Amino acid sequence: QVTLVESGGGLVQAGGSLTLTCKRTGVAVRINTMAWYRQAPGKQRELVATISSVGSTNYVDSVKGRFTISGGSPGNTLYLQMNNLKPEDTAVYYCAARRSMAEEYNYWGQGTQVTVSS
């Protein structure tokens, strides 16, 4: 069993920075990919960034050059460094993990709110 717990959200002005943290327990379960998703009010959940077990990363175009995903290796914490935040980044951010590329994300955190004021 894997448990994910996010923290680090908050209120920040446009142009500011935040670092989200996702602590993972249940390290005996092999994880292939970890990710950050976000969901804004009235919108569908959006994949923000992913990191594989070998460290390969991917980002949605809207955050490229501003956000950095790191960590997530067995026993390590997953991070999302967010710089130059914009009001459109306001959302609940979720940490997720999956056991293999062939599966949907199996494990989810409870989410942390990020609010960016203009």
N, C-alpha and C. Protein backbone atom coordinates (compact mmCIF):
# COMPACT_ATOMS: atom_id res chain seq x y z
N GLN A 1 0.84 -1.18 0.00
CA GLN A 1 0.00 0.00 0.00
C GLN A 1 0.88 1.24 0.00
N VAL A 2 0.48 2.23 -0.77
CA VAL A 2 1.21 3.49 -0.87
C VAL A 2 0.31 4.61 -0.38
N THR A 3 0.85 5.46 0.46
CA THR A 3 0.14 6.65 0.93
C THR A 3 0.93 7.87 0.51
N LEU A 4 0.23 8.87 -0.03
CA LEU A 4 0.85 10.11 -0.48
C LEU A 4 0.24 11.27 0.30
N VAL A 5 1.11 12.15 0.81
CA VAL A 5 0.64 13.30 1.58
C VAL A 5 1.32 14.55 1.05
N GLU A 6 0.52 15.47 0.51
CA GLU A 6 1.05 16.72 -0.03
C GLU A 6 1.07 17.81 1.03
N SER A 7 1.96 18.76 0.83
CA SER A 7 2.00 19.96 1.66
C SER A 7 2.69 21.06 0.88
N GLY A 8 2.66 22.27 1.40
CA GLY A 8 3.38 23.38 0.79
C GLY A 8 2.53 24.36 0.02
N GLY A 9 1.24 24.09 -0.11
CA GLY A 9 0.38 25.04 -0.80
C GLY A 9 0.17 26.30 0.02
N GLY A 10 -0.46 27.29 -0.60
CA GLY A 10 -0.73 28.53 0.11
C GLY A 10 -1.14 29.63 -0.83
N LEU A 11 -1.13 30.85 -0.30
CA LEU A 11 -1.49 32.05 -1.06
C LEU A 11 -0.22 32.80 -1.40
N VAL A 12 -0.05 33.15 -2.66
CA VAL A 12 1.13 33.87 -3.11
C VAL A 12 0.74 34.88 -4.18
N GLN A 13 1.48 35.96 -4.27
CA GLN A 13 1.21 36.95 -5.31
C GLN A 13 1.78 36.48 -6.64
N ALA A 14 1.20 36.98 -7.71
CA ALA A 14 1.70 36.67 -9.05
C ALA A 14 3.18 37.02 -9.13
N GLY A 15 3.95 36.13 -9.75
CA GLY A 15 5.39 36.31 -9.83
C GLY A 15 6.15 35.64 -8.71
N GLY A 16 5.44 35.19 -7.70
CA GLY A 16 6.07 34.54 -6.56
C GLY A 16 6.35 33.06 -6.80
N SER A 17 6.84 32.40 -5.75
CA SER A 17 7.23 31.00 -5.84
C SER A 17 6.66 30.19 -4.68
N LEU A 18 6.46 28.92 -4.94
CA LEU A 18 6.08 27.96 -3.91
C LEU A 18 6.74 26.63 -4.24
N THR A 19 6.99 25.83 -3.21
CA THR A 19 7.46 24.47 -3.40
C THR A 19 6.49 23.51 -2.75
N LEU A 20 5.92 22.62 -3.55
CA LEU A 20 5.03 21.59 -3.05
C LEU A 20 5.84 20.34 -2.72
N THR A 21 5.41 19.64 -1.68
CA THR A 21 6.08 18.43 -1.22
C THR A 21 5.08 17.29 -1.16
N CYS A 22 5.51 16.11 -1.56
CA CYS A 22 4.67 14.92 -1.49
C CYS A 22 5.49 13.82 -0.81
N LYS A 23 5.10 13.46 0.39
CA LYS A 23 5.80 12.40 1.11
C LYS A 23 5.11 11.07 0.85
N ARG A 24 5.91 10.09 0.50
CA ARG A 24 5.38 8.78 0.14
C ARG A 24 5.78 7.74 1.17
N THR A 25 4.81 6.95 1.60
CA THR A 25 5.07 5.80 2.45
C THR A 25 4.66 4.55 1.71
N GLY A 26 5.12 3.40 2.19
CA GLY A 26 4.83 2.15 1.48
C GLY A 26 5.86 1.90 0.41
N VAL A 27 7.13 2.15 0.72
CA VAL A 27 8.19 2.08 -0.27
C VAL A 27 8.44 0.68 -0.79
N ALA A 28 7.85 -0.35 -0.18
CA ALA A 28 8.03 -1.69 -0.68
C ALA A 28 7.33 -1.89 -2.02
N VAL A 29 6.39 -1.02 -2.36
CA VAL A 29 5.70 -1.08 -3.64
C VAL A 29 6.56 -0.39 -4.69
N ARG A 30 6.82 -1.07 -5.80
CA ARG A 30 7.65 -0.50 -6.85
C ARG A 30 6.81 0.50 -7.65
N ILE A 31 7.34 1.71 -7.77
CA ILE A 31 6.63 2.78 -8.48
C ILE A 31 7.38 3.11 -9.76
N ASN A 32 6.67 3.21 -10.87
CA ASN A 32 7.29 3.53 -12.15
C ASN A 32 7.33 5.03 -12.40
N THR A 33 6.21 5.70 -12.10
CA THR A 33 6.10 7.13 -12.41
C THR A 33 5.36 7.84 -11.28
N MET A 34 5.82 9.06 -10.98
CA MET A 34 5.08 9.93 -10.08
C MET A 34 4.74 11.22 -10.83
N ALA A 35 3.69 11.86 -10.36
CA ALA A 35 3.19 13.01 -11.10
C ALA A 35 2.55 14.04 -10.18
N TRP A 36 2.45 15.23 -10.69
CA TRP A 36 1.63 16.28 -10.09
C TRP A 36 0.50 16.60 -11.05
N TYR A 37 -0.71 16.59 -10.53
CA TYR A 37 -1.90 17.02 -11.24
C TYR A 37 -2.43 18.28 -10.55
N ARG A 38 -3.31 18.99 -11.24
CA ARG A 38 -4.01 20.09 -10.61
C ARG A 38 -5.43 20.18 -11.14
N GLN A 39 -6.30 20.72 -10.32
CA GLN A 39 -7.69 20.92 -10.73
C GLN A 39 -8.17 22.27 -10.23
N ALA A 40 -8.51 23.13 -11.18
CA ALA A 40 -9.06 24.44 -10.86
C ALA A 40 -10.57 24.34 -10.77
N PRO A 41 -11.21 25.26 -10.06
CA PRO A 41 -12.68 25.22 -9.93
C PRO A 41 -13.36 25.22 -11.29
N GLY A 42 -14.28 24.29 -11.49
CA GLY A 42 -15.02 24.23 -12.73
C GLY A 42 -14.28 23.66 -13.90
N LYS A 43 -13.05 23.18 -13.68
CA LYS A 43 -12.26 22.63 -14.78
C LYS A 43 -11.90 21.18 -14.51
N GLN A 44 -11.51 20.50 -15.59
CA GLN A 44 -11.07 19.11 -15.46
C GLN A 44 -9.68 19.05 -14.84
N ARG A 45 -9.39 17.94 -14.23
CA ARG A 45 -8.07 17.71 -13.68
C ARG A 45 -7.04 17.68 -14.80
N GLU A 46 -5.91 18.32 -14.56
CA GLU A 46 -4.87 18.48 -15.58
C GLU A 46 -3.55 17.90 -15.09
N LEU A 47 -2.89 17.14 -15.97
CA LEU A 47 -1.56 16.62 -15.66
C LEU A 47 -0.56 17.76 -15.81
N VAL A 48 0.20 18.04 -14.76
CA VAL A 48 1.14 19.16 -14.76
C VAL A 48 2.55 18.70 -15.09
N ALA A 49 3.02 17.65 -14.41
CA ALA A 49 4.40 17.19 -14.59
C ALA A 49 4.52 15.75 -14.14
N THR A 50 5.45 15.03 -14.77
CA THR A 50 5.72 13.66 -14.39
C THR A 50 7.22 13.43 -14.25
N ILE A 51 7.58 12.43 -13.44
CA ILE A 51 8.96 12.02 -13.32
C ILE A 51 8.99 10.49 -13.22
N SER A 52 9.86 9.86 -14.03
CA SER A 52 9.93 8.41 -14.03
C SER A 52 10.94 7.92 -13.00
N SER A 53 11.00 6.61 -12.85
CA SER A 53 11.92 6.01 -11.88
C SER A 53 13.38 6.22 -12.27
N VAL A 54 13.62 6.57 -13.54
CA VAL A 54 15.00 6.85 -13.97
C VAL A 54 15.26 8.34 -14.10
N GLY A 55 14.29 9.14 -13.67
CA GLY A 55 14.49 10.58 -13.62
C GLY A 55 14.05 11.38 -14.84
N SER A 56 13.43 10.73 -15.81
CA SER A 56 12.93 11.47 -16.97
C SER A 56 11.72 12.30 -16.58
N THR A 57 11.67 13.53 -17.06
CA THR A 57 10.59 14.45 -16.69
C THR A 57 9.83 14.94 -17.91
N ASN A 58 8.56 15.28 -17.68
CA ASN A 58 7.72 15.89 -18.71
C ASN A 58 6.82 16.92 -18.05
N TYR A 59 6.49 17.96 -18.83
CA TYR A 59 5.67 19.05 -18.32
C TYR A 59 4.59 19.44 -19.32
N VAL A 60 3.48 19.91 -18.81
CA VAL A 60 2.48 20.52 -19.68
C VAL A 60 3.06 21.84 -20.18
N ASP A 61 2.70 22.22 -21.38
CA ASP A 61 3.33 23.40 -22.00
C ASP A 61 3.19 24.66 -21.15
N SER A 62 2.08 24.80 -20.47
CA SER A 62 1.81 26.04 -19.74
C SER A 62 2.74 26.28 -18.55
N VAL A 63 3.46 25.25 -18.11
CA VAL A 63 4.35 25.41 -16.96
C VAL A 63 5.82 25.23 -17.32
N LYS A 64 6.10 24.89 -18.55
CA LYS A 64 7.51 24.67 -18.96
C LYS A 64 8.32 25.95 -18.72
N GLY A 65 9.51 25.76 -18.12
CA GLY A 65 10.37 26.89 -17.82
C GLY A 65 10.06 27.56 -16.51
N ARG A 66 8.93 27.22 -15.89
CA ARG A 66 8.55 27.83 -14.60
C ARG A 66 8.51 26.81 -13.46
N PHE A 67 8.07 25.59 -13.77
CA PHE A 67 7.94 24.53 -12.75
C PHE A 67 9.03 23.49 -12.94
N THR A 68 9.47 22.90 -11.82
CA THR A 68 10.44 21.81 -11.86
C THR A 68 10.00 20.69 -10.93
N ILE A 69 9.87 19.47 -11.48
CA ILE A 69 9.53 18.30 -10.69
C ILE A 69 10.83 17.58 -10.36
N SER A 70 10.94 17.08 -9.13
CA SER A 70 12.15 16.36 -8.72
C SER A 70 11.82 15.39 -7.60
N GLY A 71 12.80 14.49 -7.33
CA GLY A 71 12.62 13.51 -6.26
C GLY A 71 11.78 12.35 -6.71
N GLY A 72 11.10 11.70 -5.77
CA GLY A 72 10.20 10.62 -6.09
C GLY A 72 10.83 9.25 -6.12
N SER A 73 12.16 9.18 -6.00
CA SER A 73 12.80 7.87 -5.98
C SER A 73 12.34 7.11 -4.74
N PRO A 74 12.49 5.77 -4.72
CA PRO A 74 12.01 5.00 -3.57
C PRO A 74 12.50 5.57 -2.25
N GLY A 75 11.59 5.91 -1.40
CA GLY A 75 11.92 6.45 -0.10
C GLY A 75 12.11 7.95 -0.08
N ASN A 76 12.15 8.58 -1.24
CA ASN A 76 12.37 10.02 -1.28
C ASN A 76 11.05 10.77 -1.45
N THR A 77 11.13 12.05 -1.15
CA THR A 77 9.98 12.93 -1.29
C THR A 77 9.92 13.49 -2.69
N LEU A 78 8.72 13.67 -3.19
CA LEU A 78 8.51 14.29 -4.50
C LEU A 78 8.28 15.78 -4.29
N TYR A 79 8.87 16.59 -5.20
CA TYR A 79 8.75 18.03 -5.09
C TYR A 79 8.21 18.63 -6.39
N LEU A 80 7.60 19.79 -6.25
CA LEU A 80 7.26 20.61 -7.40
C LEU A 80 7.64 22.04 -7.06
N GLN A 81 8.75 22.50 -7.65
CA GLN A 81 9.17 23.88 -7.47
C GLN A 81 8.44 24.73 -8.50
N MET A 82 7.70 25.72 -8.03
CA MET A 82 6.89 26.56 -8.92
C MET A 82 7.36 28.00 -8.81
N ASN A 83 7.87 28.52 -9.91
CA ASN A 83 8.36 29.90 -9.97
C ASN A 83 7.51 30.73 -10.91
N ASN A 84 7.61 32.04 -10.77
CA ASN A 84 6.86 32.97 -11.64
C ASN A 84 5.39 32.55 -11.74
N LEU A 85 4.77 32.35 -10.60
CA LEU A 85 3.39 31.87 -10.58
C LEU A 85 2.44 32.90 -11.16
N LYS A 86 1.40 32.39 -11.80
CA LYS A 86 0.39 33.21 -12.45
C LYS A 86 -0.98 32.91 -11.85
N PRO A 87 -1.91 33.84 -11.93
CA PRO A 87 -3.25 33.56 -11.38
C PRO A 87 -3.88 32.30 -11.96
N GLU A 88 -3.56 31.98 -13.21
CA GLU A 88 -4.14 30.78 -13.83
C GLU A 88 -3.53 29.49 -13.29
N ASP A 89 -2.52 29.59 -12.43
CA ASP A 89 -1.97 28.41 -11.76
C ASP A 89 -2.78 28.04 -10.52
N THR A 90 -3.74 28.89 -10.15
CA THR A 90 -4.57 28.61 -8.99
C THR A 90 -5.35 27.32 -9.17
N ALA A 91 -5.20 26.41 -8.20
CA ALA A 91 -5.83 25.09 -8.30
C ALA A 91 -5.51 24.29 -7.04
N VAL A 92 -6.18 23.16 -6.91
CA VAL A 92 -5.76 22.15 -5.94
C VAL A 92 -4.77 21.24 -6.65
N TYR A 93 -3.60 21.08 -6.06
CA TYR A 93 -2.54 20.26 -6.65
C TYR A 93 -2.50 18.91 -5.94
N TYR A 94 -2.44 17.85 -6.77
CA TYR A 94 -2.44 16.48 -6.27
C TYR A 94 -1.17 15.75 -6.69
N CYS A 95 -0.66 14.97 -5.79
CA CYS A 95 0.44 14.05 -6.07
C CYS A 95 -0.15 12.70 -6.44
N ALA A 96 0.45 12.02 -7.42
CA ALA A 96 -0.05 10.72 -7.85
C ALA A 96 1.12 9.80 -8.18
N ALA A 97 0.86 8.49 -8.11
CA ALA A 97 1.89 7.50 -8.41
C ALA A 97 1.26 6.30 -9.11
N ARG A 98 2.04 5.65 -9.97
CA ARG A 98 1.54 4.43 -10.61
C ARG A 98 2.66 3.40 -10.65
N ARG A 99 2.24 2.13 -10.71
CA ARG A 99 3.20 1.04 -10.63
C ARG A 99 3.86 0.74 -11.96
N SER A 100 3.14 1.06 -13.06
CA SER A 100 3.72 0.79 -14.37
C SER A 100 3.12 1.74 -15.40
N MET A 101 3.81 1.82 -16.54
CA MET A 101 3.33 2.67 -17.63
C MET A 101 2.01 2.17 -18.19
N ALA A 102 1.71 0.88 -17.98
CA ALA A 102 0.49 0.29 -18.54
C ALA A 102 -0.73 0.58 -17.67
N GLU A 103 -0.53 1.18 -16.52
CA GLU A 103 -1.64 1.42 -15.60
C GLU A 103 -1.98 2.88 -15.49
N GLU A 104 -3.21 3.15 -15.05
CA GLU A 104 -3.57 4.50 -14.63
C GLU A 104 -2.87 4.78 -13.30
N TYR A 105 -2.90 6.02 -12.88
CA TYR A 105 -2.30 6.34 -11.58
C TYR A 105 -3.12 5.66 -10.48
N ASN A 106 -2.41 4.83 -9.70
CA ASN A 106 -3.05 3.97 -8.71
C ASN A 106 -3.24 4.67 -7.37
N TYR A 107 -2.36 5.61 -7.06
CA TYR A 107 -2.34 6.20 -5.73
C TYR A 107 -2.39 7.73 -5.85
N TRP A 108 -3.17 8.31 -4.93
CA TRP A 108 -3.40 9.76 -4.95
C TRP A 108 -3.29 10.34 -3.55
N GLY A 109 -2.78 11.57 -3.48
CA GLY A 109 -2.81 12.30 -2.24
C GLY A 109 -4.13 13.04 -2.09
N GLN A 110 -4.25 13.77 -0.99
CA GLN A 110 -5.51 14.46 -0.68
C GLN A 110 -5.57 15.84 -1.31
N GLY A 111 -4.44 16.35 -1.79
CA GLY A 111 -4.41 17.64 -2.46
C GLY A 111 -3.99 18.78 -1.54
N THR A 112 -3.40 19.80 -2.16
CA THR A 112 -3.02 21.01 -1.43
C THR A 112 -3.39 22.22 -2.30
N GLN A 113 -3.99 23.22 -1.67
CA GLN A 113 -4.50 24.38 -2.41
C GLN A 113 -3.39 25.38 -2.70
N VAL A 114 -3.31 25.81 -3.95
CA VAL A 114 -2.41 26.89 -4.36
C VAL A 114 -3.28 28.02 -4.91
N THR A 115 -3.13 29.20 -4.35
CA THR A 115 -3.88 30.36 -4.81
C THR A 115 -2.91 31.48 -5.16
N VAL A 116 -3.00 31.97 -6.39
CA VAL A 116 -2.12 33.02 -6.86
C VAL A 116 -2.95 34.27 -7.11
N SER A 117 -2.65 35.32 -6.39
CA SER A 117 -3.39 36.57 -6.53
C SER A 117 -2.72 37.49 -7.54
N SER A 118 -3.54 38.27 -8.22
CA SER A 118 -3.00 39.18 -9.25
C SER A 118 -2.63 40.53 -8.68
